[in-house]
Amino acid sequence: MRFFSEIFLANKDNDTRITLVVTEKICERLKTDFKEELKLYLAREKRKLFICKKEIKIAMLVKTEYFMAADFLTSKGIFDQETIMGFEPAALRWTEDLVLYYKEQAQQI
């Protein structure tokens, strides 16, 4: 969950567009462990948070204008705490497509 801390705190004065797509389980942890930071994050116009209720093996996807990041669940459904990051155009396009797919199935907070 250290990654969320970095997103919430390091970018609090930054105007970068950030979209988070998380599972319900991760969202509950955010509400518990990062209550105030989450409130500040959601108050920003260019910050979006989506909760996907569908069972998926992706715990979290982040896509900004400059990078992408993804956290996956293990085969047992446990958050594996390893983040994949990419900065190349192909990685950003792949993430954009995946984010759009899950956003269509998710509910915005």
Protein backbone atom coordinates (compact mmCIF):
# COMPACT_ATOMS: atom_id res chain seq x y z
CA MET A 1 0.00 0.00 0.00
CA ARG A 2 3.07 2.24 0.04
CA PHE A 3 2.37 3.02 -3.63
CA PHE A 4 -0.96 4.64 -2.72
CA SER A 5 0.76 6.77 -0.12
CA GLU A 6 3.14 8.03 -2.78
CA ILE A 7 0.30 8.80 -5.20
CA PHE A 8 -1.80 10.57 -2.59
CA LEU A 9 1.00 12.56 -0.96
CA ALA A 10 3.58 13.17 -3.68
CA ASN A 11 1.00 14.43 -6.15
CA LYS A 12 -1.20 16.46 -3.83
CA ASP A 13 -0.06 19.81 -5.28
CA ASN A 14 0.34 18.49 -8.83
CA ASP A 15 -2.33 18.94 -11.50
CA THR A 16 -1.62 15.67 -13.33
CA ARG A 17 -4.65 13.66 -14.44
CA ILE A 18 -4.72 10.37 -12.47
CA THR A 19 -7.27 7.56 -12.78
CA LEU A 20 -7.24 4.70 -10.29
CA VAL A 21 -9.20 1.49 -10.92
CA VAL A 22 -9.24 -0.75 -7.84
CA THR A 23 -11.05 -3.77 -6.51
CA GLU A 24 -13.57 -3.45 -3.68
CA LYS A 25 -11.10 -5.00 -1.24
CA ILE A 26 -8.40 -2.46 -2.09
CA CYS A 27 -10.92 0.38 -1.90
CA GLU A 28 -11.88 -0.67 1.62
CA ARG A 29 -8.20 -0.60 2.62
CA LEU A 30 -7.84 2.87 1.09
CA LYS A 31 -10.86 4.08 3.08
CA THR A 32 -9.37 2.64 6.26
CA ASP A 33 -5.63 3.30 5.86
CA PHE A 34 -5.73 6.53 3.81
CA LYS A 35 -9.03 8.14 4.77
CA GLU A 36 -7.87 11.79 4.76
CA GLU A 37 -5.53 11.37 1.80
CA LEU A 38 -8.31 9.70 -0.20
CA LYS A 39 -10.66 12.57 0.61
CA LEU A 40 -8.10 15.10 -0.68
CA TYR A 41 -7.42 12.98 -3.76
CA LEU A 42 -11.12 12.75 -4.66
CA ALA A 43 -11.58 16.50 -4.18
CA ARG A 44 -9.26 17.19 -7.13
CA GLU A 45 -10.95 17.62 -10.51
CA LYS A 46 -8.39 15.57 -12.46
CA ARG A 47 -8.36 12.66 -10.00
CA LYS A 48 -10.66 9.72 -10.62
CA LEU A 49 -11.27 6.54 -8.65
CA PHE A 50 -13.22 3.58 -10.00
CA ILE A 51 -14.20 0.42 -8.13
CA CYS A 52 -14.57 -2.74 -10.18
CA LYS A 53 -16.84 -5.28 -8.50
CA LYS A 54 -16.08 -7.94 -11.08
CA GLU A 55 -13.61 -10.56 -9.88
CA ILE A 56 -10.29 -9.66 -11.46
CA LYS A 57 -6.65 -10.47 -10.84
CA ILE A 58 -5.62 -6.83 -11.08
CA ALA A 59 -5.62 -5.05 -7.74
CA MET A 60 -4.92 -1.62 -9.16
CA LEU A 61 -4.18 0.22 -12.41
CA VAL A 62 -2.79 3.71 -12.66
CA LYS A 63 -2.39 5.63 -15.88
CA THR A 64 -1.21 9.21 -16.13
CA GLU A 65 -0.08 11.18 -19.13
CA TYR A 66 3.49 10.00 -18.50
CA PHE A 67 3.47 6.55 -16.91
CA MET A 68 1.41 3.49 -16.09
CA ALA A 69 1.48 1.23 -13.07
CA ALA A 70 -0.31 -2.00 -12.22
CA ASP A 71 -0.53 -4.18 -9.14
CA PHE A 72 -1.76 -7.74 -9.55
CA LEU A 73 -3.22 -10.36 -7.25
CA THR A 74 -1.60 -13.74 -6.84
CA SER A 75 -3.38 -16.90 -8.02
CA LYS A 76 -4.75 -17.14 -4.46
CA GLY A 77 -6.22 -13.62 -4.66
CA ILE A 78 -3.63 -12.01 -2.40
CA PHE A 79 -2.16 -8.58 -3.15
CA ASP A 80 1.43 -9.38 -4.12
CA GLN A 81 2.84 -5.88 -3.39
CA GLU A 82 4.87 -5.76 -6.61
CA THR A 83 4.16 -2.85 -8.94
CA ILE A 84 4.76 -2.97 -12.68
CA MET A 85 5.53 0.44 -14.18
CA GLY A 86 5.99 1.55 -17.78
CA PHE A 87 6.75 4.80 -19.55
CA GLU A 88 6.78 3.74 -23.22
CA PRO A 89 3.90 4.71 -25.56
CA ALA A 90 2.93 1.05 -26.08
CA ALA A 91 2.61 0.51 -22.31
CA LEU A 92 0.49 3.65 -21.99
CA ARG A 93 -1.81 2.53 -24.83
CA TRP A 94 -2.17 -0.97 -23.34
CA THR A 95 -3.05 0.53 -19.96
CA GLU A 96 -5.48 3.01 -21.50
CA ASP A 97 -7.31 0.15 -23.25
CA LEU A 98 -7.39 -1.89 -20.05
CA VAL A 99 -8.51 1.08 -17.95
CA LEU A 100 -11.32 1.80 -20.41
CA TYR A 101 -12.40 -1.85 -20.32
CA TYR A 102 -12.59 -1.88 -16.51
CA LYS A 103 -14.09 1.61 -16.26
CA GLU A 104 -17.02 0.37 -18.35
CA GLN A 105 -17.60 -2.35 -15.74
CA ALA A 106 -16.85 -0.20 -12.69
CA GLN A 107 -18.51 2.47 -10.59
CA GLN A 108 -16.88 5.86 -10.11
CA ILE A 109 -16.48 7.12 -6.55
